[in-house]
């Protein structure tokens, strides 16, 4: 896990959007200062949250997923792979419904 790489990925994803909104703020939109300051603060929080989330996923979930996946393939039973693939897909879909 490379923290620096994760930080660069997140910054390269969020900063262009923040720059575009800033350009619009300075030229066209002219939103109230409070709204723009809230946007900048939100962008910083989004970056911090994404960095923490991605590091957590890479440290906690990825290794376990890789081990489980390789052990399922090693068993060589297609029905087992399909069953757990369906089960995990279903669980993720249900979990996503609660994120709003």
PDB file of N, CA and C in Angstrom:
ATOM      1  N   UNK A   1       0.838  -1.177   0.000  1.00  0.00           N
ATOM      2  CA  UNK A   1       0.000   0.000   0.000  1.00  0.00           C
ATOM      3  C   UNK A   1       0.885   1.243   0.000  1.00  0.00           C
ATOM      4  N   UNK A   2       0.638   2.105  -0.953  1.00  0.00           N
ATOM      5  CA  UNK A   2       1.420   3.321  -1.072  1.00  0.00           C
ATOM      6  C   UNK A   2       0.509   4.517  -0.796  1.00  0.00           C
ATOM      7  N   UNK A   3       0.679   5.136   0.363  1.00  0.00           N
ATOM      8  CA  UNK A   3      -0.173   6.251   0.769  1.00  0.00           C
ATOM      9  C   UNK A   3       0.003   7.431  -0.178  1.00  0.00           C
ATOM     10  N   UNK A   4       1.250   7.703  -0.564  1.00  0.00           N
ATOM     11  CA  UNK A   4       1.522   8.834  -1.451  1.00  0.00           C
ATOM     12  C   UNK A   4       0.786   8.667  -2.778  1.00  0.00           C
ATOM     13  N   UNK A   5       0.792   7.460  -3.312  1.00  0.00           N
ATOM     14  CA  UNK A   5       0.104   7.169  -4.567  1.00  0.00           C
ATOM     15  C   UNK A   5      -1.404   7.399  -4.427  1.00  0.00           C
ATOM     16  N   UNK A   6      -1.962   6.977  -3.306  1.00  0.00           N
ATOM     17  CA  UNK A   6      -3.393   7.159  -3.054  1.00  0.00           C
ATOM     18  C   UNK A   6      -3.739   8.637  -2.958  1.00  0.00           C
ATOM     19  N   UNK A   7      -2.906   9.405  -2.263  1.00  0.00           N
ATOM     20  CA  UNK A   7      -3.137  10.844  -2.129  1.00  0.00           C
ATOM     21  C   UNK A   7      -3.107  11.512  -3.501  1.00  0.00           C
ATOM     22  N   UNK A   8      -2.140  11.153  -4.326  1.00  0.00           N
ATOM     23  CA  UNK A   8      -2.033  11.727  -5.669  1.00  0.00           C
ATOM     24  C   UNK A   8      -3.262  11.374  -6.505  1.00  0.00           C
ATOM     25  N   UNK A   9      -3.733  10.129  -6.418  1.00  0.00           N
ATOM     26  CA  UNK A   9      -4.930   9.707  -7.156  1.00  0.00           C
ATOM     27  C   UNK A   9      -6.139  10.544  -6.758  1.00  0.00           C
ATOM     28  N   UNK A  10      -6.332  10.722  -5.461  1.00  0.00           N
ATOM     29  CA  UNK A  10      -7.497  11.464  -4.978  1.00  0.00           C
ATOM     30  C   UNK A  10      -7.399  12.932  -5.371  1.00  0.00           C
ATOM     31  N   UNK A  11      -6.231  13.516  -5.199  1.00  0.00           N
ATOM     32  CA  UNK A  11      -6.051  14.922  -5.564  1.00  0.00           C
ATOM     33  C   UNK A  11      -6.293  15.119  -7.054  1.00  0.00           C
ATOM     34  N   UNK A  12      -5.784  14.214  -7.875  1.00  0.00           N
ATOM     35  CA  UNK A  12      -5.970  14.362  -9.321  1.00  0.00           C
ATOM     36  C   UNK A  12      -7.422  14.151  -9.736  1.00  0.00           C
ATOM     37  N   UNK A  13      -8.225  13.527  -8.879  1.00  0.00           N
ATOM     38  CA  UNK A  13      -9.640  13.342  -9.188  1.00  0.00           C
ATOM     39  C   UNK A  13     -10.486  14.527  -8.728  1.00  0.00           C
ATOM     40  N   UNK A  14     -10.146  15.119  -7.582  1.00  0.00           N
ATOM     41  CA  UNK A  14     -11.001  16.145  -6.988  1.00  0.00           C
ATOM     42  C   UNK A  14     -10.585  17.562  -7.378  1.00  0.00           C
ATOM     43  N   UNK A  15      -9.300  17.830  -7.448  1.00  0.00           N
ATOM     44  CA  UNK A  15      -8.820  19.193  -7.696  1.00  0.00           C
ATOM     45  C   UNK A  15      -9.309  19.766  -9.032  1.00  0.00           C
ATOM     46  N   UNK A  16      -9.315  19.016 -10.135  1.00  0.00           N
ATOM     47  CA  UNK A  16      -9.828  19.612 -11.377  1.00  0.00           C
ATOM     48  C   UNK A  16     -11.276  20.102 -11.261  1.00  0.00           C
ATOM     49  N   UNK A  17     -12.096  19.377 -10.526  1.00  0.00           N
ATOM     50  CA  UNK A  17     -13.482  19.806 -10.329  1.00  0.00           C
ATOM     51  C   UNK A  17     -13.514  21.085  -9.498  1.00  0.00           C
ATOM     52  N   UNK A  18     -12.709  21.130  -8.444  1.00  0.00           N
ATOM     53  CA  UNK A  18     -12.655  22.323  -7.598  1.00  0.00           C
ATOM     54  C   UNK A  18     -12.138  23.527  -8.381  1.00  0.00           C
ATOM     55  N   UNK A  19     -11.160  23.311  -9.246  1.00  0.00           N
ATOM     56  CA  UNK A  19     -10.626  24.401 -10.070  1.00  0.00           C
ATOM     57  C   UNK A  19     -11.695  24.908 -11.029  1.00  0.00           C
ATOM     58  N   UNK A  20     -12.424  23.998 -11.651  1.00  0.00           N
ATOM     59  CA  UNK A  20     -13.484  24.392 -12.581  1.00  0.00           C
ATOM     60  C   UNK A  20     -14.566  25.202 -11.861  1.00  0.00           C
ATOM     61  N   UNK A  21     -14.977  24.751 -10.696  1.00  0.00           N
ATOM     62  CA  UNK A  21     -15.985  25.491  -9.927  1.00  0.00           C
ATOM     63  C   UNK A  21     -15.437  26.852  -9.505  1.00  0.00           C
ATOM     64  N   UNK A  22     -14.162  26.918  -9.153  1.00  0.00           N
ATOM     65  CA  UNK A  22     -13.546  28.196  -8.782  1.00  0.00           C
ATOM     66  C   UNK A  22     -13.535  29.154  -9.965  1.00  0.00           C
ATOM     67  N   UNK A  23     -13.190  28.651 -11.143  1.00  0.00           N
ATOM     68  CA  UNK A  23     -13.208  29.497 -12.347  1.00  0.00           C
ATOM     69  C   UNK A  23     -14.620  30.012 -12.609  1.00  0.00           C
ATOM     70  N   UNK A  24     -15.603  29.126 -12.497  1.00  0.00           N
ATOM     71  CA  UNK A  24     -16.992  29.552 -12.680  1.00  0.00           C
ATOM     72  C   UNK A  24     -17.397  30.580 -11.626  1.00  0.00           C
ATOM     73  N   UNK A  25     -16.941  30.395 -10.409  1.00  0.00           N
ATOM     74  CA  UNK A  25     -17.250  31.329  -9.325  1.00  0.00           C
ATOM     75  C   UNK A  25     -16.682  32.712  -9.622  1.00  0.00           C
ATOM     76  N   UNK A  26     -15.474  32.750 -10.148  1.00  0.00           N
ATOM     77  CA  UNK A  26     -14.813  34.030 -10.399  1.00  0.00           C
ATOM     78  C   UNK A  26     -15.312  34.721 -11.663  1.00  0.00           C
ATOM     79  N   UNK A  27     -15.909  33.963 -12.581  1.00  0.00           N
ATOM     80  CA  UNK A  27     -16.305  34.558 -13.857  1.00  0.00           C
ATOM     81  C   UNK A  27     -17.817  34.639 -14.055  1.00  0.00           C
ATOM     82  N   UNK A  28     -18.520  33.553 -13.871  1.00  0.00           N
ATOM     83  CA  UNK A  28     -19.926  33.492 -14.260  1.00  0.00           C
ATOM     84  C   UNK A  28     -20.875  33.421 -13.067  1.00  0.00           C
ATOM     85  N   UNK A  29     -20.654  32.478 -12.179  1.00  0.00           N
ATOM     86  CA  UNK A  29     -21.649  32.133 -11.156  1.00  0.00           C
ATOM     87  C   UNK A  29     -21.807  33.205 -10.085  1.00  0.00           C
ATOM     88  N   UNK A  30     -20.710  33.704  -9.559  1.00  0.00           N
ATOM     89  CA  UNK A  30     -20.741  34.720  -8.499  1.00  0.00           C
ATOM     90  C   UNK A  30     -21.671  34.313  -7.348  1.00  0.00           C
ATOM     91  N   UNK A  31     -21.448  33.104  -6.837  1.00  0.00           N
ATOM     92  CA  UNK A  31     -22.225  32.619  -5.700  1.00  0.00           C
ATOM     93  C   UNK A  31     -21.848  33.401  -4.447  1.00  0.00           C
ATOM     94  N   UNK A  32     -22.717  33.406  -3.446  1.00  0.00           N
ATOM     95  CA  UNK A  32     -22.346  34.064  -2.184  1.00  0.00           C
ATOM     96  C   UNK A  32     -21.061  33.456  -1.614  1.00  0.00           C
ATOM     97  N   UNK A  33     -20.266  34.288  -0.976  1.00  0.00           N
ATOM     98  CA  UNK A  33     -18.975  33.849  -0.442  1.00  0.00           C
ATOM     99  C   UNK A  33     -19.126  32.658   0.490  1.00  0.00           C
ATOM    100  N   UNK A  34     -20.157  32.669   1.324  1.00  0.00           N
ATOM    101  CA  UNK A  34     -20.369  31.572   2.270  1.00  0.00           C
ATOM    102  C   UNK A  34     -20.566  30.238   1.540  1.00  0.00           C
ATOM    103  N   UNK A  35     -21.295  30.271   0.446  1.00  0.00           N
ATOM    104  CA  UNK A  35     -21.537  29.046  -0.328  1.00  0.00           C
ATOM    105  C   UNK A  35     -20.231  28.540  -0.931  1.00  0.00           C
ATOM    106  N   UNK A  36     -19.434  29.446  -1.465  1.00  0.00           N
ATOM    107  CA  UNK A  36     -18.173  29.047  -2.082  1.00  0.00           C
ATOM    108  C   UNK A  36     -17.192  28.514  -1.035  1.00  0.00           C
ATOM    109  N   UNK A  37     -17.130  29.161   0.122  1.00  0.00           N
ATOM    110  CA  UNK A  37     -16.254  28.686   1.202  1.00  0.00           C
ATOM    111  C   UNK A  37     -16.695  27.298   1.658  1.00  0.00           C
ATOM    112  N   UNK A  38     -18.007  27.086   1.759  1.00  0.00           N
ATOM    113  CA  UNK A  38     -18.518  25.756   2.110  1.00  0.00           C
ATOM    114  C   UNK A  38     -18.130  24.722   1.060  1.00  0.00           C
ATOM    115  N   UNK A  39     -18.150  25.116  -0.204  1.00  0.00           N
ATOM    116  CA  UNK A  39     -17.744  24.202  -1.273  1.00  0.00           C
ATOM    117  C   UNK A  39     -16.279  23.809  -1.122  1.00  0.00           C
ATOM    118  N   UNK A  40     -15.415  24.780  -0.890  1.00  0.00           N
ATOM    119  CA  UNK A  40     -13.984  24.494  -0.735  1.00  0.00           C
ATOM    120  C   UNK A  40     -13.761  23.586   0.475  1.00  0.00           C
ATOM    121  N   UNK A  41     -14.420  23.901   1.589  1.00  0.00           N
ATOM    122  CA  UNK A  41     -14.309  23.042   2.770  1.00  0.00           C
ATOM    123  C   UNK A  41     -14.807  21.636   2.489  1.00  0.00           C
ATOM    124  N   UNK A  42     -15.910  21.536   1.758  1.00  0.00           N
ATOM    125  CA  UNK A  42     -16.440  20.226   1.386  1.00  0.00           C
ATOM    126  C   UNK A  42     -15.487  19.458   0.495  1.00  0.00           C
ATOM    127  N   UNK A  43     -14.839  20.157  -0.434  1.00  0.00           N
ATOM    128  CA  UNK A  43     -13.881  19.495  -1.325  1.00  0.00           C
ATOM    129  C   UNK A  43     -12.702  18.934  -0.532  1.00  0.00           C
ATOM    130  N   UNK A  44     -12.241  19.691   0.452  1.00  0.00           N
ATOM    131  CA  UNK A  44     -11.141  19.209   1.303  1.00  0.00           C
ATOM    132  C   UNK A  44     -11.585  17.976   2.085  1.00  0.00           C
ATOM    133  N   UNK A  45     -12.795  18.020   2.642  1.00  0.00           N
ATOM    134  CA  UNK A  45     -13.306  16.872   3.391  1.00  0.00           C
ATOM    135  C   UNK A  45     -13.512  15.655   2.493  1.00  0.00           C
ATOM    136  N   UNK A  46     -13.966  15.888   1.267  1.00  0.00           N
ATOM    137  CA  UNK A  46     -14.120  14.780   0.311  1.00  0.00           C
ATOM    138  C   UNK A  46     -12.767  14.134   0.042  1.00  0.00           C
ATOM    139  N   UNK A  47     -11.736  14.958  -0.156  1.00  0.00           N
ATOM    140  CA  UNK A  47     -10.404  14.401  -0.403  1.00  0.00           C
ATOM    141  C   UNK A  47      -9.916  13.583   0.788  1.00  0.00           C
ATOM    142  N   UNK A  48     -10.065  14.128   1.989  1.00  0.00           N
ATOM    143  CA  UNK A  48      -9.633  13.392   3.185  1.00  0.00           C
ATOM    144  C   UNK A  48     -10.419  12.090   3.341  1.00  0.00           C
ATOM    145  N   UNK A  49     -11.725  12.155   3.122  1.00  0.00           N
ATOM    146  CA  UNK A  49     -12.554  10.964   3.242  1.00  0.00           C
ATOM    147  C   UNK A  49     -12.199   9.900   2.223  1.00  0.00           C
ATOM    148  N   UNK A  50     -11.973  10.323   0.977  1.00  0.00           N
ATOM    149  CA  UNK A  50     -11.590   9.361  -0.062  1.00  0.00           C
ATOM    150  C   UNK A  50     -10.237   8.728   0.230  1.00  0.00           C
ATOM    151  N   UNK A  51      -9.306   9.536   0.708  1.00  0.00           N
ATOM    152  CA  UNK A  51      -7.983   8.999   1.039  1.00  0.00           C
ATOM    153  C   UNK A  51      -8.111   7.937   2.128  1.00  0.00           C
ATOM    154  N   UNK A  52      -8.838   8.252   3.195  1.00  0.00           N
ATOM    155  CA  UNK A  52      -9.014   7.286   4.287  1.00  0.00           C
ATOM    156  C   UNK A  52      -9.767   6.043   3.816  1.00  0.00           C
ATOM    157  N   UNK A  53     -10.807   6.244   3.018  1.00  0.00           N
ATOM    158  CA  UNK A  53     -11.588   5.114   2.517  1.00  0.00           C
ATOM    159  C   UNK A  53     -10.734   4.191   1.655  1.00  0.00           C
ATOM    160  N   UNK A  54      -9.988   4.766   0.720  1.00  0.00           N
ATOM    161  CA  UNK A  54      -9.178   3.944  -0.185  1.00  0.00           C
ATOM    162  C   UNK A  54      -8.060   3.220   0.557  1.00  0.00           C
ATOM    163  N   UNK A  55      -7.445   3.886   1.517  1.00  0.00           N
ATOM    164  CA  UNK A  55      -6.406   3.219   2.311  1.00  0.00           C
ATOM    165  C   UNK A  55      -7.026   2.075   3.103  1.00  0.00           C
ATOM    166  N   UNK A  56      -8.180   2.317   3.713  1.00  0.00           N
ATOM    167  CA  UNK A  56      -8.867   1.265   4.461  1.00  0.00           C
ATOM    168  C   UNK A  56      -9.245   0.091   3.581  1.00  0.00           C
ATOM    169  N   UNK A  57      -9.735   0.381   2.383  1.00  0.00           N
ATOM    170  CA  UNK A  57     -10.112  -0.698   1.464  1.00  0.00           C
ATOM    171  C   UNK A  57      -8.888  -1.496   1.024  1.00  0.00           C
ATOM    172  N   UNK A  58      -7.788  -0.787   0.751  1.00  0.00           N
ATOM    173  CA  UNK A  58      -6.577  -1.479   0.300  1.00  0.00           C
ATOM    174  C   UNK A  58      -5.947  -2.311   1.413  1.00  0.00           C
ATOM    175  N   UNK A  59      -6.047  -1.829   2.650  1.00  0.00           N
ATOM    176  CA  UNK A  59      -5.439  -2.546   3.775  1.00  0.00           C
ATOM    177  C   UNK A  59      -6.347  -3.656   4.289  1.00  0.00           C
ATOM    178  N   UNK A  60      -7.641  -3.378   4.400  1.00  0.00           N
ATOM    179  CA  UNK A  60      -8.546  -4.320   5.042  1.00  0.00           C
ATOM    180  C   UNK A  60      -9.261  -5.281   4.118  1.00  0.00           C
ATOM    181  N   UNK A  61      -9.775  -4.777   3.017  1.00  0.00           N
ATOM    182  CA  UNK A  61     -10.629  -5.601   2.165  1.00  0.00           C
ATOM    183  C   UNK A  61      -9.887  -6.291   1.030  1.00  0.00           C
ATOM    184  N   UNK A  62      -8.976  -5.589   0.397  1.00  0.00           N
ATOM    185  CA  UNK A  62      -8.305  -6.148  -0.780  1.00  0.00           C
ATOM    186  C   UNK A  62      -7.542  -7.431  -0.491  1.00  0.00           C
ATOM    187  N   UNK A  63      -6.722  -7.488   0.548  1.00  0.00           N
ATOM    188  CA  UNK A  63      -5.996  -8.741   0.806  1.00  0.00           C
ATOM    189  C   UNK A  63      -6.931  -9.919   1.087  1.00  0.00           C
ATOM    190  N   UNK A  64      -7.980  -9.669   1.865  1.00  0.00           N
ATOM    191  CA  UNK A  64      -8.932 -10.739   2.176  1.00  0.00           C
ATOM    192  C   UNK A  64      -9.646 -11.191   0.910  1.00  0.00           C
ATOM    193  N   UNK A  65     -10.071 -10.243   0.092  1.00  0.00           N
ATOM    194  CA  UNK A  65     -10.748 -10.582  -1.158  1.00  0.00           C
ATOM    195  C   UNK A  65      -9.867 -11.382  -2.099  1.00  0.00           C
ATOM    196  N   UNK A  66      -8.601 -10.990  -2.182  1.00  0.00           N
ATOM    197  CA  UNK A  66      -7.673 -11.733  -3.043  1.00  0.00           C
ATOM    198  C   UNK A  66      -7.460 -13.157  -2.538  1.00  0.00           C
ATOM    199  N   UNK A  67      -7.337 -13.309  -1.221  1.00  0.00           N
ATOM    200  CA  UNK A  67      -7.139 -14.657  -0.660  1.00  0.00           C
ATOM    201  C   UNK A  67      -8.372 -15.531  -0.853  1.00  0.00           C
ATOM    202  N   UNK A  68      -9.537 -14.970  -0.591  1.00  0.00           N
ATOM    203  CA  UNK A  68     -10.771 -15.741  -0.775  1.00  0.00           C
ATOM    204  C   UNK A  68     -10.952 -16.095  -2.246  1.00  0.00           C
ATOM    205  N   UNK A  69     -10.718 -15.130  -3.123  1.00  0.00           N
ATOM    206  CA  UNK A  69     -10.854 -15.385  -4.557  1.00  0.00           C
ATOM    207  C   UNK A  69      -9.916 -16.465  -5.051  1.00  0.00           C
ATOM    208  N   UNK A  70      -8.667 -16.418  -4.624  1.00  0.00           N
ATOM    209  CA  UNK A  70      -7.714 -17.437  -5.083  1.00  0.00           C
ATOM    210  C   UNK A  70      -8.043 -18.807  -4.497  1.00  0.00           C
ATOM    211  N   UNK A  71      -8.556 -18.838  -3.261  1.00  0.00           N
ATOM    212  CA  UNK A  71      -8.912 -20.140  -2.685  1.00  0.00           C
ATOM    213  C   UNK A  71     -10.145 -20.726  -3.365  1.00  0.00           C
ATOM    214  N   UNK A  72     -11.082 -19.874  -3.779  1.00  0.00           N
ATOM    215  CA  UNK A  72     -12.251 -20.374  -4.514  1.00  0.00           C
ATOM    216  C   UNK A  72     -11.846 -20.935  -5.873  1.00  0.00           C
ATOM    217  N   UNK A  73     -10.938 -20.253  -6.547  1.00  0.00           N
ATOM    218  CA  UNK A  73     -10.477 -20.729  -7.855  1.00  0.00           C
ATOM    219  C   UNK A  73      -9.692 -22.026  -7.698  1.00  0.00           C
ATOM    220  N   UNK A  74      -8.905 -22.123  -6.629  1.00  0.00           N
ATOM    221  CA  UNK A  74      -8.119 -23.334  -6.381  1.00  0.00           C
ATOM    222  C   UNK A  74      -9.018 -24.551  -6.190  1.00  0.00           C
ATOM    223  N   UNK A  75     -10.182 -24.347  -5.571  1.00  0.00           N
ATOM    224  CA  UNK A  75     -11.127 -25.455  -5.381  1.00  0.00           C
ATOM    225  C   UNK A  75     -11.609 -26.004  -6.719  1.00  0.00           C
ATOM    226  N   UNK A  76     -11.677 -25.132  -7.728  1.00  0.00           N
ATOM    227  CA  UNK A  76     -12.050 -25.568  -9.072  1.00  0.00           C
ATOM    228  C   UNK A  76     -13.522 -25.903  -9.248  1.00  0.00           C
ATOM    229  N   UNK A  77     -14.365 -25.455  -8.343  1.00  0.00           N
ATOM    230  CA  UNK A  77     -15.796 -25.746  -8.443  1.00  0.00           C
ATOM    231  C   UNK A  77     -16.527 -24.486  -8.902  1.00  0.00           C
ATOM    232  N   UNK A  78     -17.014 -24.531 -10.129  1.00  0.00           N
ATOM    233  CA  UNK A  78     -17.674 -23.371 -10.718  1.00  0.00           C
ATOM    234  C   UNK A  78     -18.898 -22.952  -9.911  1.00  0.00           C
ATOM    235  N   UNK A  79     -19.675 -23.914  -9.441  1.00  0.00           N
ATOM    236  CA  UNK A  79     -20.886 -23.577  -8.693  1.00  0.00           C
ATOM    237  C   UNK A  79     -20.555 -22.804  -7.426  1.00  0.00           C
ATOM    238  N   UNK A  80     -19.417 -23.104  -6.803  1.00  0.00           N
ATOM    239  CA  UNK A  80     -19.002 -22.416  -5.586  1.00  0.00           C
ATOM    240  C   UNK A  80     -18.635 -20.962  -5.893  1.00  0.00           C
ATOM    241  N   UNK A  81     -17.919 -20.759  -6.980  1.00  0.00           N
ATOM    242  CA  UNK A  81     -17.538 -19.408  -7.405  1.00  0.00           C
ATOM    243  C   UNK A  81     -18.786 -18.594  -7.729  1.00  0.00           C
ATOM    244  N   UNK A  82     -19.704 -19.190  -8.494  1.00  0.00           N
ATOM    245  CA  UNK A  82     -20.930 -18.489  -8.867  1.00  0.00           C
ATOM    246  C   UNK A  82     -21.795 -18.178  -7.644  1.00  0.00           C
ATOM    247  N   UNK A  83     -21.902 -19.132  -6.736  1.00  0.00           N
ATOM    248  CA  UNK A  83     -22.714 -18.935  -5.537  1.00  0.00           C
ATOM    249  C   UNK A  83     -22.193 -17.771  -4.699  1.00  0.00           C
ATOM    250  N   UNK A  84     -20.892 -17.780  -4.407  1.00  0.00           N
ATOM    251  CA  UNK A  84     -20.343 -16.709  -3.580  1.00  0.00           C
ATOM    252  C   UNK A  84     -20.288 -15.383  -4.337  1.00  0.00           C
ATOM    253  N   UNK A  85     -20.083 -15.442  -5.647  1.00  0.00           N
ATOM    254  CA  UNK A  85     -20.140 -14.221  -6.449  1.00  0.00           C
ATOM    255  C   UNK A  85     -21.519 -13.585  -6.381  1.00  0.00           C
ATOM    256  N   UNK A  86     -22.560 -14.421  -6.507  1.00  0.00           N
ATOM    257  CA  UNK A  86     -23.929 -13.928  -6.396  1.00  0.00           C
ATOM    258  C   UNK A  86     -24.194 -13.387  -4.993  1.00  0.00           C
ATOM    259  N   UNK A  87     -23.762 -14.124  -3.988  1.00  0.00           N
ATOM    260  CA  UNK A  87     -23.998 -13.732  -2.597  1.00  0.00           C
ATOM    261  C   UNK A  87     -23.343 -12.383  -2.276  1.00  0.00           C
ATOM    262  N   UNK A  88     -22.105 -12.219  -2.692  1.00  0.00           N
ATOM    263  CA  UNK A  88     -21.399 -10.958  -2.439  1.00  0.00           C
ATOM    264  C   UNK A  88     -22.043  -9.822  -3.232  1.00  0.00           C
ATOM    265  N   UNK A  89     -22.378 -10.082  -4.499  1.00  0.00           N
ATOM    266  CA  UNK A  89     -23.049  -9.065  -5.314  1.00  0.00           C
ATOM    267  C   UNK A  89     -24.374  -8.635  -4.714  1.00  0.00           C
ATOM    268  N   UNK A  90     -25.146  -9.606  -4.220  1.00  0.00           N
ATOM    269  CA  UNK A  90     -26.431  -9.309  -3.589  1.00  0.00           C
ATOM    270  C   UNK A  90     -26.232  -8.474  -2.327  1.00  0.00           C
ATOM    271  N   UNK A  91     -25.262  -8.867  -1.503  1.00  0.00           N
ATOM    272  CA  UNK A  91     -25.000  -8.143  -0.256  1.00  0.00           C
ATOM    273  C   UNK A  91     -24.561  -6.708  -0.527  1.00  0.00           C
ATOM    274  N   UNK A  92     -23.725  -6.515  -1.531  1.00  0.00           N
ATOM    275  CA  UNK A  92     -23.264  -5.166  -1.872  1.00  0.00           C
ATOM    276  C   UNK A  92     -24.431  -4.323  -2.372  1.00  0.00           C
ATOM    277  N   UNK A  93     -25.299  -4.919  -3.182  1.00  0.00           N
ATOM    278  CA  UNK A  93     -26.461  -4.197  -3.700  1.00  0.00           C
ATOM    279  C   UNK A  93     -27.388  -3.777  -2.568  1.00  0.00           C
ATOM    280  N   UNK A  94     -27.646  -4.670  -1.636  1.00  0.00           N
ATOM    281  CA  UNK A  94     -28.502  -4.340  -0.492  1.00  0.00           C
ATOM    282  C   UNK A  94     -27.844  -3.263   0.373  1.00  0.00           C
ATOM    283  N   UNK A  95     -26.549  -3.388   0.612  1.00  0.00           N
ATOM    284  CA  UNK A  95     -25.839  -2.396   1.428  1.00  0.00           C
ATOM    285  C   UNK A  95     -25.888  -1.022   0.771  1.00  0.00           C
ATOM    286  N   UNK A  96     -25.807  -0.989  -0.550  1.00  0.00           N
ATOM    287  CA  UNK A  96     -25.815   0.282  -1.269  1.00  0.00           C
ATOM    288  C   UNK A  96     -27.154   1.001  -1.120  1.00  0.00           C
ATOM    289  N   UNK A  97     -28.221   0.256  -0.951  1.00  0.00           N
ATOM    290  CA  UNK A  97     -29.535   0.866  -0.767  1.00  0.00           C
ATOM    291  C   UNK A  97     -29.599   1.705   0.507  1.00  0.00           C
ATOM    292  N   UNK A  98     -28.800   1.334   1.506  1.00  0.00           N
ATOM    293  CA  UNK A  98     -28.832   2.040   2.777  1.00  0.00           C
ATOM    294  C   UNK A  98     -27.908   3.255   2.801  1.00  0.00           C
ATOM    295  N   UNK A  99     -27.148   3.455   1.740  1.00  0.00           N
ATOM    296  CA  UNK A  99     -26.264   4.618   1.647  1.00  0.00           C
ATOM    297  C   UNK A  99     -26.995   5.681   0.842  1.00  0.00           C
ATOM    298  N   UNK A 100     -27.425   6.701   1.524  1.00  0.00           N
ATOM    299  CA  UNK A 100     -28.174   7.751   0.823  1.00  0.00           C
ATOM    300  C   UNK A 100     -27.784   9.117   1.333  1.00  0.00           C
TER     301      UNK A 100
END
